[in-house]
């Protein structure tokens, strides 16, 4: 790959990480409200714990991608690369946990929107 293509892909990756960071903040706020208001404490804990586990797995995945040209460019600065992977992992894992948790909660309570 040419150096310009690698640079463009790295910029797109960090843009996606920034979007995932916004998603992470949104679902962290929603989960914290659930955790501290008492309406669904377990759901809030589940979302936050899933986010942290998703961040951990994502960082490990990012570290293992150093053999690739693009992965090596992203992890060239380990602090920036690991934080970008952590934002991606936390954001999408927390979003999935929040949506699945709400779906299960609605199905168990009988409120399916009929």
PDB file of N, CA and C in Angstrom:
ATOM      1  N   UNK A   1       0.834  -1.172   0.000  1.00  0.00           N
ATOM      2  CA  UNK A   1       0.000   0.000   0.000  1.00  0.00           C
ATOM      3  C   UNK A   1       0.878   1.234   0.000  1.00  0.00           C
ATOM      4  N   UNK A   2       0.373   2.227  -0.666  1.00  0.00           N
ATOM      5  CA  UNK A   2       1.092   3.490  -0.681  1.00  0.00           C
ATOM      6  C   UNK A   2       0.946   4.227   0.632  1.00  0.00           C
ATOM      7  N   UNK A   3       1.887   5.091   0.944  1.00  0.00           N
ATOM      8  CA  UNK A   3       1.832   5.801   2.222  1.00  0.00           C
ATOM      9  C   UNK A   3       0.624   6.726   2.345  1.00  0.00           C
ATOM     10  N   UNK A   4       0.148   7.265   1.217  1.00  0.00           N
ATOM     11  CA  UNK A   4      -1.013   8.158   1.283  1.00  0.00           C
ATOM     12  C   UNK A   4      -2.278   7.370   1.638  1.00  0.00           C
ATOM     13  N   UNK A   5      -2.420   6.180   1.075  1.00  0.00           N
ATOM     14  CA  UNK A   5      -3.581   5.346   1.390  1.00  0.00           C
ATOM     15  C   UNK A   5      -3.563   4.929   2.856  1.00  0.00           C
ATOM     16  N   UNK A   6      -2.415   4.590   3.370  1.00  0.00           N
ATOM     17  CA  UNK A   6      -2.299   4.212   4.779  1.00  0.00           C
ATOM     18  C   UNK A   6      -2.647   5.397   5.675  1.00  0.00           C
ATOM     19  N   UNK A   7      -2.202   6.574   5.303  1.00  0.00           N
ATOM     20  CA  UNK A   7      -2.513   7.774   6.093  1.00  0.00           C
ATOM     21  C   UNK A   7      -4.009   8.073   6.078  1.00  0.00           C
ATOM     22  N   UNK A   8      -4.633   7.925   4.911  1.00  0.00           N
ATOM     23  CA  UNK A   8      -6.077   8.164   4.812  1.00  0.00           C
ATOM     24  C   UNK A   8      -6.851   7.160   5.659  1.00  0.00           C
ATOM     25  N   UNK A   9      -6.453   5.890   5.604  1.00  0.00           N
ATOM     26  CA  UNK A   9      -7.134   4.871   6.407  1.00  0.00           C
ATOM     27  C   UNK A   9      -6.930   5.110   7.903  1.00  0.00           C
ATOM     28  N   UNK A  10      -5.757   5.579   8.295  1.00  0.00           N
ATOM     29  CA  UNK A  10      -5.518   5.890   9.702  1.00  0.00           C
ATOM     30  C   UNK A  10      -6.387   7.064  10.152  1.00  0.00           C
ATOM     31  N   UNK A  11      -6.536   8.063   9.301  1.00  0.00           N
ATOM     32  CA  UNK A  11      -7.396   9.201   9.636  1.00  0.00           C
ATOM     33  C   UNK A  11      -8.855   8.763   9.759  1.00  0.00           C
ATOM     34  N   UNK A  12      -9.295   7.904   8.853  1.00  0.00           N
ATOM     35  CA  UNK A  12     -10.661   7.367   8.946  1.00  0.00           C
ATOM     36  C   UNK A  12     -10.845   6.556  10.228  1.00  0.00           C
ATOM     37  N   UNK A  13      -9.838   5.789  10.592  1.00  0.00           N
ATOM     38  CA  UNK A  13      -9.913   5.016  11.832  1.00  0.00           C
ATOM     39  C   UNK A  13     -10.062   5.927  13.040  1.00  0.00           C
ATOM     40  N   UNK A  14      -9.252   6.980  13.117  1.00  0.00           N
ATOM     41  CA  UNK A  14      -9.340   7.875  14.267  1.00  0.00           C
ATOM     42  C   UNK A  14     -10.631   8.693  14.247  1.00  0.00           C
ATOM     43  N   UNK A  15     -11.176   8.965  13.072  1.00  0.00           N
ATOM     44  CA  UNK A  15     -12.494   9.588  12.991  1.00  0.00           C
ATOM     45  C   UNK A  15     -13.574   8.663  13.531  1.00  0.00           C
ATOM     46  N   UNK A  16     -13.478   7.382  13.183  1.00  0.00           N
ATOM     47  CA  UNK A  16     -14.420   6.392  13.706  1.00  0.00           C
ATOM     48  C   UNK A  16     -14.263   6.256  15.211  1.00  0.00           C
ATOM     49  N   UNK A  17     -13.033   6.355  15.707  1.00  0.00           N
ATOM     50  CA  UNK A  17     -12.805   6.301  17.144  1.00  0.00           C
ATOM     51  C   UNK A  17     -13.425   7.514  17.843  1.00  0.00           C
ATOM     52  N   UNK A  18     -13.355   8.678  17.208  1.00  0.00           N
ATOM     53  CA  UNK A  18     -13.980   9.876  17.794  1.00  0.00           C
ATOM     54  C   UNK A  18     -15.500   9.725  17.850  1.00  0.00           C
ATOM     55  N   UNK A  19     -16.092   9.185  16.774  1.00  0.00           N
ATOM     56  CA  UNK A  19     -17.535   8.928  16.775  1.00  0.00           C
ATOM     57  C   UNK A  19     -17.896   7.905  17.849  1.00  0.00           C
ATOM     58  N   UNK A  20     -17.085   6.872  17.982  1.00  0.00           N
ATOM     59  CA  UNK A  20     -17.323   5.855  19.006  1.00  0.00           C
ATOM     60  C   UNK A  20     -17.171   6.438  20.408  1.00  0.00           C
ATOM     61  N   UNK A  21     -16.287   7.408  20.556  1.00  0.00           N
ATOM     62  CA  UNK A  21     -16.144   8.084  21.841  1.00  0.00           C
ATOM     63  C   UNK A  21     -17.394   8.857  22.221  1.00  0.00           C
ATOM     64  N   UNK A  22     -17.998   9.513  21.250  1.00  0.00           N
ATOM     65  CA  UNK A  22     -19.279  10.204  21.505  1.00  0.00           C
ATOM     66  C   UNK A  22     -20.358   9.204  21.883  1.00  0.00           C
ATOM     67  N   UNK A  23     -20.374   8.074  21.203  1.00  0.00           N
ATOM     68  CA  UNK A  23     -21.325   7.006  21.514  1.00  0.00           C
ATOM     69  C   UNK A  23     -21.073   6.464  22.919  1.00  0.00           C
ATOM     70  N   UNK A  24     -19.809   6.319  23.274  1.00  0.00           N
ATOM     71  CA  UNK A  24     -19.452   5.820  24.607  1.00  0.00           C
ATOM     72  C   UNK A  24     -19.932   6.775  25.693  1.00  0.00           C
ATOM     73  N   UNK A  25     -19.744   8.065  25.484  1.00  0.00           N
ATOM     74  CA  UNK A  25     -20.191   9.049  26.478  1.00  0.00           C
ATOM     75  C   UNK A  25     -21.713   9.027  26.613  1.00  0.00           C
ATOM     76  N   UNK A  26     -22.414   8.933  25.505  1.00  0.00           N
ATOM     77  CA  UNK A  26     -23.876   8.888  25.533  1.00  0.00           C
ATOM     78  C   UNK A  26     -24.379   7.695  26.340  1.00  0.00           C
ATOM     79  N   UNK A  27     -23.863   6.510  26.043  1.00  0.00           N
ATOM     80  CA  UNK A  27     -24.345   5.332  26.748  1.00  0.00           C
ATOM     81  C   UNK A  27     -23.807   5.241  28.169  1.00  0.00           C
ATOM     82  N   UNK A  28     -22.681   5.860  28.453  1.00  0.00           N
ATOM     83  CA  UNK A  28     -22.201   5.930  29.826  1.00  0.00           C
ATOM     84  C   UNK A  28     -23.118   6.817  30.667  1.00  0.00           C
ATOM     85  N   UNK A  29     -23.584   7.912  30.095  1.00  0.00           N
ATOM     86  CA  UNK A  29     -24.526   8.783  30.805  1.00  0.00           C
ATOM     87  C   UNK A  29     -25.850   8.069  31.030  1.00  0.00           C
ATOM     88  N   UNK A  30     -26.356   7.398  29.990  1.00  0.00           N
ATOM     89  CA  UNK A  30     -27.622   6.667  30.137  1.00  0.00           C
ATOM     90  C   UNK A  30     -27.506   5.548  31.168  1.00  0.00           C
ATOM     91  N   UNK A  31     -26.403   4.822  31.147  1.00  0.00           N
ATOM     92  CA  UNK A  31     -26.216   3.732  32.110  1.00  0.00           C
ATOM     93  C   UNK A  31     -26.024   4.273  33.524  1.00  0.00           C
ATOM     94  N   UNK A  32     -25.324   5.382  33.664  1.00  0.00           N
ATOM     95  CA  UNK A  32     -25.130   5.968  34.997  1.00  0.00           C
ATOM     96  C   UNK A  32     -26.447   6.450  35.582  1.00  0.00           C
ATOM     97  N   UNK A  33     -27.297   6.991  34.735  1.00  0.00           N
ATOM     98  CA  UNK A  33     -28.621   7.415  35.222  1.00  0.00           C
ATOM     99  C   UNK A  33     -29.427   6.215  35.706  1.00  0.00           C
ATOM    100  N   UNK A  34     -29.326   5.109  34.970  1.00  0.00           N
ATOM    101  CA  UNK A  34     -30.031   3.895  35.403  1.00  0.00           C
ATOM    102  C   UNK A  34     -29.422   3.328  36.677  1.00  0.00           C
ATOM    103  N   UNK A  35     -28.120   3.418  36.791  1.00  0.00           N
ATOM    104  CA  UNK A  35     -27.424   2.845  37.942  1.00  0.00           C
ATOM    105  C   UNK A  35     -27.732   3.612  39.221  1.00  0.00           C
ATOM    106  N   UNK A  36     -27.810   4.937  39.145  1.00  0.00           N
ATOM    107  CA  UNK A  36     -27.969   5.740  40.346  1.00  0.00           C
ATOM    108  C   UNK A  36     -29.409   6.116  40.668  1.00  0.00           C
ATOM    109  N   UNK A  37     -30.338   5.965  39.732  1.00  0.00           N
ATOM    110  CA  UNK A  37     -31.726   6.297  40.040  1.00  0.00           C
ATOM    111  C   UNK A  37     -32.464   5.140  40.681  1.00  0.00           C
ATOM    112  N   UNK A  38     -31.983   3.936  40.489  1.00  0.00           N
ATOM    113  CA  UNK A  38     -32.606   2.795  41.142  1.00  0.00           C
ATOM    114  C   UNK A  38     -33.672   2.114  40.321  1.00  0.00           C
ATOM    115  N   UNK A  39     -34.001   2.642  39.133  1.00  0.00           N
ATOM    116  CA  UNK A  39     -35.046   2.010  38.330  1.00  0.00           C
ATOM    117  C   UNK A  39     -34.579   0.680  37.748  1.00  0.00           C
ATOM    118  N   UNK A  40     -33.372   0.628  37.302  1.00  0.00           N
ATOM    119  CA  UNK A  40     -32.820  -0.614  36.754  1.00  0.00           C
ATOM    120  C   UNK A  40     -31.317  -0.625  37.038  1.00  0.00           C
ATOM    121  N   UNK A  41     -30.983  -0.826  38.291  1.00  0.00           N
ATOM    122  CA  UNK A  41     -29.573  -0.775  38.694  1.00  0.00           C
ATOM    123  C   UNK A  41     -28.735  -1.835  37.989  1.00  0.00           C
ATOM    124  N   UNK A  42     -29.291  -3.024  37.839  1.00  0.00           N
ATOM    125  CA  UNK A  42     -28.522  -4.094  37.213  1.00  0.00           C
ATOM    126  C   UNK A  42     -28.228  -3.769  35.750  1.00  0.00           C
ATOM    127  N   UNK A  43     -29.173  -3.141  35.062  1.00  0.00           N
ATOM    128  CA  UNK A  43     -28.953  -2.770  33.664  1.00  0.00           C
ATOM    129  C   UNK A  43     -27.818  -1.756  33.545  1.00  0.00           C
ATOM    130  N   UNK A  44     -27.777  -0.784  34.435  1.00  0.00           N
ATOM    131  CA  UNK A  44     -26.697   0.194  34.412  1.00  0.00           C
ATOM    132  C   UNK A  44     -25.343  -0.438  34.661  1.00  0.00           C
ATOM    133  N   UNK A  45     -25.291  -1.332  35.645  1.00  0.00           N
ATOM    134  CA  UNK A  45     -24.037  -2.033  35.932  1.00  0.00           C
ATOM    135  C   UNK A  45     -23.635  -2.915  34.753  1.00  0.00           C
ATOM    136  N   UNK A  46     -24.612  -3.589  34.157  1.00  0.00           N
ATOM    137  CA  UNK A  46     -24.353  -4.476  33.019  1.00  0.00           C
ATOM    138  C   UNK A  46     -23.785  -3.694  31.830  1.00  0.00           C
ATOM    139  N   UNK A  47     -24.332  -2.535  31.558  1.00  0.00           N
ATOM    140  CA  UNK A  47     -23.866  -1.723  30.431  1.00  0.00           C
ATOM    141  C   UNK A  47     -22.449  -1.215  30.675  1.00  0.00           C
ATOM    142  N   UNK A  48     -22.185  -0.715  31.871  1.00  0.00           N
ATOM    143  CA  UNK A  48     -20.853  -0.187  32.175  1.00  0.00           C
ATOM    144  C   UNK A  48     -19.814  -1.309  32.182  1.00  0.00           C
ATOM    145  N   UNK A  49     -20.150  -2.448  32.773  1.00  0.00           N
ATOM    146  CA  UNK A  49     -19.211  -3.576  32.800  1.00  0.00           C
ATOM    147  C   UNK A  49     -18.959  -4.107  31.392  1.00  0.00           C
ATOM    148  N   UNK A  50     -20.002  -4.184  30.574  1.00  0.00           N
ATOM    149  CA  UNK A  50     -19.822  -4.631  29.189  1.00  0.00           C
ATOM    150  C   UNK A  50     -18.956  -3.656  28.408  1.00  0.00           C
ATOM    151  N   UNK A  51     -19.111  -2.378  28.674  1.00  0.00           N
ATOM    152  CA  UNK A  51     -18.280  -1.381  28.014  1.00  0.00           C
ATOM    153  C   UNK A  51     -16.810  -1.538  28.358  1.00  0.00           C
ATOM    154  N   UNK A  52     -16.517  -1.750  29.642  1.00  0.00           N
ATOM    155  CA  UNK A  52     -15.119  -1.924  30.039  1.00  0.00           C
ATOM    156  C   UNK A  52     -14.532  -3.220  29.480  1.00  0.00           C
ATOM    157  N   UNK A  53     -15.322  -4.289  29.479  1.00  0.00           N
ATOM    158  CA  UNK A  53     -14.822  -5.534  28.890  1.00  0.00           C
ATOM    159  C   UNK A  53     -14.619  -5.396  27.383  1.00  0.00           C
ATOM    160  N   UNK A  54     -15.525  -4.682  26.720  1.00  0.00           N
ATOM    161  CA  UNK A  54     -15.366  -4.429  25.291  1.00  0.00           C
ATOM    162  C   UNK A  54     -14.124  -3.597  25.004  1.00  0.00           C
ATOM    163  N   UNK A  55     -13.843  -2.640  25.860  1.00  0.00           N
ATOM    164  CA  UNK A  55     -12.633  -1.819  25.691  1.00  0.00           C
ATOM    165  C   UNK A  55     -11.378  -2.661  25.869  1.00  0.00           C
ATOM    166  N   UNK A  56     -11.385  -3.548  26.858  1.00  0.00           N
ATOM    167  CA  UNK A  56     -10.228  -4.397  27.092  1.00  0.00           C
ATOM    168  C   UNK A  56      -9.968  -5.329  25.911  1.00  0.00           C
ATOM    169  N   UNK A  57     -11.012  -5.969  25.432  1.00  0.00           N
ATOM    170  CA  UNK A  57     -10.859  -6.879  24.292  1.00  0.00           C
ATOM    171  C   UNK A  57     -10.431  -6.113  23.046  1.00  0.00           C
ATOM    172  N   UNK A  58     -10.969  -4.943  22.859  1.00  0.00           N
ATOM    173  CA  UNK A  58     -10.625  -4.145  21.689  1.00  0.00           C
ATOM    174  C   UNK A  58      -9.161  -3.689  21.724  1.00  0.00           C
ATOM    175  N   UNK A  59      -8.678  -3.315  22.888  1.00  0.00           N
ATOM    176  CA  UNK A  59      -7.265  -2.921  23.008  1.00  0.00           C
ATOM    177  C   UNK A  59      -6.362  -4.113  22.727  1.00  0.00           C
ATOM    178  N   UNK A  60      -6.708  -5.277  23.251  1.00  0.00           N
ATOM    179  CA  UNK A  60      -5.911  -6.473  22.965  1.00  0.00           C
ATOM    180  C   UNK A  60      -5.923  -6.801  21.475  1.00  0.00           C
ATOM    181  N   UNK A  61      -7.075  -6.613  20.837  1.00  0.00           N
ATOM    182  CA  UNK A  61      -7.157  -6.822  19.395  1.00  0.00           C
ATOM    183  C   UNK A  61      -6.273  -5.819  18.659  1.00  0.00           C
ATOM    184  N   UNK A  62      -6.296  -4.568  19.089  1.00  0.00           N
ATOM    185  CA  UNK A  62      -5.468  -3.551  18.456  1.00  0.00           C
ATOM    186  C   UNK A  62      -3.981  -3.819  18.603  1.00  0.00           C
ATOM    187  N   UNK A  63      -3.584  -4.313  19.770  1.00  0.00           N
ATOM    188  CA  UNK A  63      -2.178  -4.643  19.979  1.00  0.00           C
ATOM    189  C   UNK A  63      -1.761  -5.806  19.091  1.00  0.00           C
ATOM    190  N   UNK A  64      -2.663  -6.746  18.884  1.00  0.00           N
ATOM    191  CA  UNK A  64      -2.324  -7.904  18.046  1.00  0.00           C
ATOM    192  C   UNK A  64      -2.277  -7.553  16.566  1.00  0.00           C
ATOM    193  N   UNK A  65      -2.755  -6.391  16.172  1.00  0.00           N
ATOM    194  CA  UNK A  65      -2.777  -6.006  14.765  1.00  0.00           C
ATOM    195  C   UNK A  65      -1.506  -5.264  14.335  1.00  0.00           C
ATOM    196  N   UNK A  66      -0.474  -5.280  15.134  1.00  0.00           N
ATOM    197  CA  UNK A  66       0.760  -4.574  14.777  1.00  0.00           C
ATOM    198  C   UNK A  66       1.477  -5.190  13.591  1.00  0.00           C
ATOM    199  N   UNK A  67       1.161  -6.427  13.230  1.00  0.00           N
ATOM    200  CA  UNK A  67       1.809  -7.065  12.085  1.00  0.00           C
ATOM    201  C   UNK A  67       1.347  -6.428  10.778  1.00  0.00           C
ATOM    202  N   UNK A  68       0.196  -5.810  10.782  1.00  0.00           N
ATOM    203  CA  UNK A  68      -0.397  -5.185   9.603  1.00  0.00           C
ATOM    204  C   UNK A  68       0.171  -3.770   9.441  1.00  0.00           C
ATOM    205  N   UNK A  69       0.250  -3.295   8.220  1.00  0.00           N
ATOM    206  CA  UNK A  69       0.786  -1.949   7.971  1.00  0.00           C
ATOM    207  C   UNK A  69      -0.086  -0.898   8.642  1.00  0.00           C
ATOM    208  N   UNK A  70      -1.392  -1.008   8.470  1.00  0.00           N
ATOM    209  CA  UNK A  70      -2.307  -0.021   9.043  1.00  0.00           C
ATOM    210  C   UNK A  70      -2.326  -0.139  10.569  1.00  0.00           C
ATOM    211  N   UNK A  71      -2.327  -1.370  11.076  1.00  0.00           N
ATOM    212  CA  UNK A  71      -2.274  -1.563  12.519  1.00  0.00           C
ATOM    213  C   UNK A  71      -1.000  -1.023  13.125  1.00  0.00           C
ATOM    214  N   UNK A  72       0.093  -1.140  12.407  1.00  0.00           N
ATOM    215  CA  UNK A  72       1.362  -0.614  12.898  1.00  0.00           C
ATOM    216  C   UNK A  72       1.350   0.915  12.929  1.00  0.00           C
ATOM    217  N   UNK A  73       0.726   1.531  11.927  1.00  0.00           N
ATOM    218  CA  UNK A  73       0.624   2.991  11.909  1.00  0.00           C
ATOM    219  C   UNK A  73      -0.264   3.471  13.057  1.00  0.00           C
ATOM    220  N   UNK A  74      -1.374   2.774  13.289  1.00  0.00           N
ATOM    221  CA  UNK A  74      -2.286   3.169  14.364  1.00  0.00           C
ATOM    222  C   UNK A  74      -1.613   3.016  15.725  1.00  0.00           C
ATOM    223  N   UNK A  75      -0.877   1.926  15.915  1.00  0.00           N
ATOM    224  CA  UNK A  75      -0.234   1.676  17.205  1.00  0.00           C
ATOM    225  C   UNK A  75       1.175   2.258  17.285  1.00  0.00           C
ATOM    226  N   UNK A  76       1.558   3.098  16.325  1.00  0.00           N
ATOM    227  CA  UNK A  76       2.869   3.734  16.359  1.00  0.00           C
ATOM    228  C   UNK A  76       3.033   4.542  17.650  1.00  0.00           C
ATOM    229  N   UNK A  77       2.008   5.274  18.014  1.00  0.00           N
ATOM    230  CA  UNK A  77       1.955   5.941  19.310  1.00  0.00           C
ATOM    231  C   UNK A  77       1.000   5.105  20.159  1.00  0.00           C
ATOM    232  N   UNK A  78       1.538   4.325  21.093  1.00  0.00           N
ATOM    233  CA  UNK A  78       0.726   3.350  21.829  1.00  0.00           C
ATOM    234  C   UNK A  78      -0.385   4.013  22.635  1.00  0.00           C
ATOM    235  N   UNK A  79      -0.130   5.182  23.196  1.00  0.00           N
ATOM    236  CA  UNK A  79      -1.158   5.850  23.993  1.00  0.00           C
ATOM    237  C   UNK A  79      -2.340   6.259  23.118  1.00  0.00           C
ATOM    238  N   UNK A  80      -2.068   6.808  21.962  1.00  0.00           N
ATOM    239  CA  UNK A  80      -3.133   7.220  21.060  1.00  0.00           C
ATOM    240  C   UNK A  80      -3.855   6.013  20.466  1.00  0.00           C
ATOM    241  N   UNK A  81      -3.112   5.003  20.053  1.00  0.00           N
ATOM    242  CA  UNK A  81      -3.721   3.822  19.457  1.00  0.00           C
ATOM    243  C   UNK A  81      -4.569   3.039  20.441  1.00  0.00           C
ATOM    244  N   UNK A  82      -4.038   2.833  21.642  1.00  0.00           N
ATOM    245  CA  UNK A  82      -4.796   2.079  22.648  1.00  0.00           C
ATOM    246  C   UNK A  82      -6.041   2.829  23.094  1.00  0.00           C
ATOM    247  N   UNK A  83      -5.943   4.138  23.230  1.00  0.00           N
ATOM    248  CA  UNK A  83      -7.138   4.891  23.633  1.00  0.00           C
ATOM    249  C   UNK A  83      -8.179   4.897  22.520  1.00  0.00           C
ATOM    250  N   UNK A  84      -7.746   4.923  21.263  1.00  0.00           N
ATOM    251  CA  UNK A  84      -8.710   4.857  20.162  1.00  0.00           C
ATOM    252  C   UNK A  84      -9.402   3.506  20.136  1.00  0.00           C
ATOM    253  N   UNK A  85      -8.640   2.436  20.298  1.00  0.00           N
ATOM    254  CA  UNK A  85      -9.256   1.107  20.332  1.00  0.00           C
ATOM    255  C   UNK A  85     -10.177   0.970  21.538  1.00  0.00           C
ATOM    256  N   UNK A  86      -9.789   1.535  22.686  1.00  0.00           N
ATOM    257  CA  UNK A  86     -10.627   1.453  23.880  1.00  0.00           C
ATOM    258  C   UNK A  86     -11.935   2.209  23.685  1.00  0.00           C
ATOM    259  N   UNK A  87     -11.882   3.366  23.047  1.00  0.00           N
ATOM    260  CA  UNK A  87     -13.119   4.106  22.776  1.00  0.00           C
ATOM    261  C   UNK A  87     -14.048   3.320  21.863  1.00  0.00           C
ATOM    262  N   UNK A  88     -13.482   2.715  20.853  1.00  0.00           N
ATOM    263  CA  UNK A  88     -14.296   1.906  19.937  1.00  0.00           C
ATOM    264  C   UNK A  88     -14.925   0.733  20.681  1.00  0.00           C
ATOM    265  N   UNK A  89     -14.120   0.035  21.452  1.00  0.00           N
ATOM    266  CA  UNK A  89     -14.642  -1.120  22.178  1.00  0.00           C
ATOM    267  C   UNK A  89     -15.689  -0.744  23.206  1.00  0.00           C
ATOM    268  N   UNK A  90     -15.417   0.303  23.981  1.00  0.00           N
ATOM    269  CA  UNK A  90     -16.372   0.707  25.012  1.00  0.00           C
ATOM    270  C   UNK A  90     -17.671   1.193  24.391  1.00  0.00           C
ATOM    271  N   UNK A  91     -17.560   2.031  23.381  1.00  0.00           N
ATOM    272  CA  UNK A  91     -18.767   2.613  22.786  1.00  0.00           C
ATOM    273  C   UNK A  91     -19.704   1.584  22.203  1.00  0.00           C
ATOM    274  N   UNK A  92     -19.174   0.696  21.398  1.00  0.00           N
ATOM    275  CA  UNK A  92     -20.047  -0.268  20.724  1.00  0.00           C
ATOM    276  C   UNK A  92     -20.491  -1.388  21.642  1.00  0.00           C
ATOM    277  N   UNK A  93     -19.655  -1.805  22.606  1.00  0.00           N
ATOM    278  CA  UNK A  93     -20.089  -2.828  23.560  1.00  0.00           C
ATOM    279  C   UNK A  93     -21.163  -2.281  24.493  1.00  0.00           C
ATOM    280  N   UNK A  94     -21.000  -1.038  24.936  1.00  0.00           N
ATOM    281  CA  UNK A  94     -22.008  -0.434  25.810  1.00  0.00           C
ATOM    282  C   UNK A  94     -23.313  -0.203  25.059  1.00  0.00           C
ATOM    283  N   UNK A  95     -23.233   0.201  23.796  1.00  0.00           N
ATOM    284  CA  UNK A  95     -24.454   0.396  23.005  1.00  0.00           C
ATOM    285  C   UNK A  95     -25.198  -0.913  22.829  1.00  0.00           C
ATOM    286  N   UNK A  96     -24.474  -1.970  22.487  1.00  0.00           N
ATOM    287  CA  UNK A  96     -25.114  -3.272  22.310  1.00  0.00           C
ATOM    288  C   UNK A  96     -25.701  -3.776  23.627  1.00  0.00           C
ATOM    289  N   UNK A  97     -24.973  -3.618  24.727  1.00  0.00           N
ATOM    290  CA  UNK A  97     -25.472  -4.076  26.027  1.00  0.00           C
ATOM    291  C   UNK A  97     -26.705  -3.288  26.446  1.00  0.00           C
ATOM    292  N   UNK A  98     -26.724  -1.998  26.185  1.00  0.00           N
ATOM    293  CA  UNK A  98     -27.880  -1.177  26.550  1.00  0.00           C
ATOM    294  C   UNK A  98     -29.115  -1.583  25.746  1.00  0.00           C
ATOM    295  N   UNK A  99     -28.929  -1.771  24.455  1.00  0.00           N
ATOM    296  CA  UNK A  99     -30.074  -2.142  23.613  1.00  0.00           C
ATOM    297  C   UNK A  99     -30.577  -3.540  23.938  1.00  0.00           C
ATOM    298  N   UNK A 100     -29.684  -4.497  24.112  1.00  0.00           N
ATOM    299  CA  UNK A 100     -30.104  -5.860  24.452  1.00  0.00           C
ATOM    300  C   UNK A 100     -30.714  -5.885  25.854  1.00  0.00           C
ATOM    301  N   UNK A 101     -30.119  -5.182  26.790  1.00  0.00           N
ATOM    302  CA  UNK A 101     -30.666  -5.134  28.145  1.00  0.00           C
ATOM    303  C   UNK A 101     -32.055  -4.534  28.196  1.00  0.00           C
ATOM    304  N   UNK A 102     -32.284  -3.469  27.443  1.00  0.00           N
ATOM    305  CA  UNK A 102     -33.627  -2.883  27.397  1.00  0.00           C
ATOM    306  C   UNK A 102     -34.622  -3.817  26.720  1.00  0.00           C
ATOM    307  N   UNK A 103     -34.187  -4.508  25.683  1.00  0.00           N
ATOM    308  CA  UNK A 103     -35.076  -5.453  25.006  1.00  0.00           C
ATOM    309  C   UNK A 103     -35.463  -6.591  25.939  1.00  0.00           C
ATOM    310  N   UNK A 104     -34.504  -7.150  26.646  1.00  0.00           N
ATOM    311  CA  UNK A 104     -34.794  -8.236  27.585  1.00  0.00           C
ATOM    312  C   UNK A 104     -35.689  -7.733  28.712  1.00  0.00           C
ATOM    313  N   UNK A 105     -35.422  -6.537  29.192  1.00  0.00           N
ATOM    314  CA  UNK A 105     -36.253  -5.968  30.272  1.00  0.00           C
ATOM    315  C   UNK A 105     -37.687  -5.772  29.819  1.00  0.00           C
ATOM    316  N   UNK A 106     -37.870  -5.299  28.586  1.00  0.00           N
ATOM    317  CA  UNK A 106     -39.229  -5.121  28.065  1.00  0.00           C
ATOM    318  C   UNK A 106     -39.936  -6.444  27.840  1.00  0.00           C
ATOM    319  N   UNK A 107     -39.208  -7.427  27.333  1.00  0.00           N
ATOM    320  CA  UNK A 107     -39.817  -8.728  27.106  1.00  0.00           C
ATOM    321  C   UNK A 107     -40.207  -9.397  28.413  1.00  0.00           C
ATOM    322  N   UNK A 108     -39.386  -9.251  29.444  1.00  0.00           N
ATOM    323  CA  UNK A 108     -39.701  -9.848  30.723  1.00  0.00           C
ATOM    324  C   UNK A 108     -40.826  -9.116  31.451  1.00  0.00           C
ATOM    325  N   UNK A 109     -40.979  -7.837  31.207  1.00  0.00           N
ATOM    326  CA  UNK A 109     -42.045  -7.095  31.885  1.00  0.00           C
ATOM    327  C   UNK A 109     -43.366  -7.171  31.115  1.00  0.00           C
ATOM    328  N   UNK A 110     -43.330  -7.648  29.883  1.00  0.00           N
ATOM    329  CA  UNK A 110     -44.560  -7.782  29.093  1.00  0.00           C
ATOM    330  C   UNK A 110     -44.903  -6.561  28.291  1.00  0.00           C
ATOM    331  N   UNK A 111     -44.087  -5.518  28.294  1.00  0.00           N
ATOM    332  CA  UNK A 111     -44.350  -4.301  27.549  1.00  0.00           C
ATOM    333  C   UNK A 111     -43.636  -4.399  26.205  1.00  0.00           C
ATOM    334  N   UNK A 112     -44.292  -4.987  25.229  1.00  0.00           N
ATOM    335  CA  UNK A 112     -43.659  -5.136  23.915  1.00  0.00           C
ATOM    336  C   UNK A 112     -44.096  -4.074  22.926  1.00  0.00           C
ATOM    337  N   UNK A 113     -44.905  -3.136  23.354  1.00  0.00           N
ATOM    338  CA  UNK A 113     -45.313  -2.037  22.478  1.00  0.00           C
ATOM    339  C   UNK A 113     -46.541  -2.332  21.659  1.00  0.00           C
ATOM    340  N   UNK A 114     -47.376  -3.263  22.122  1.00  0.00           N
ATOM    341  CA  UNK A 114     -48.611  -3.596  21.378  1.00  0.00           C
ATOM    342  C   UNK A 114     -49.712  -2.639  21.700  1.00  0.00           C
TER     343      UNK A 114
END
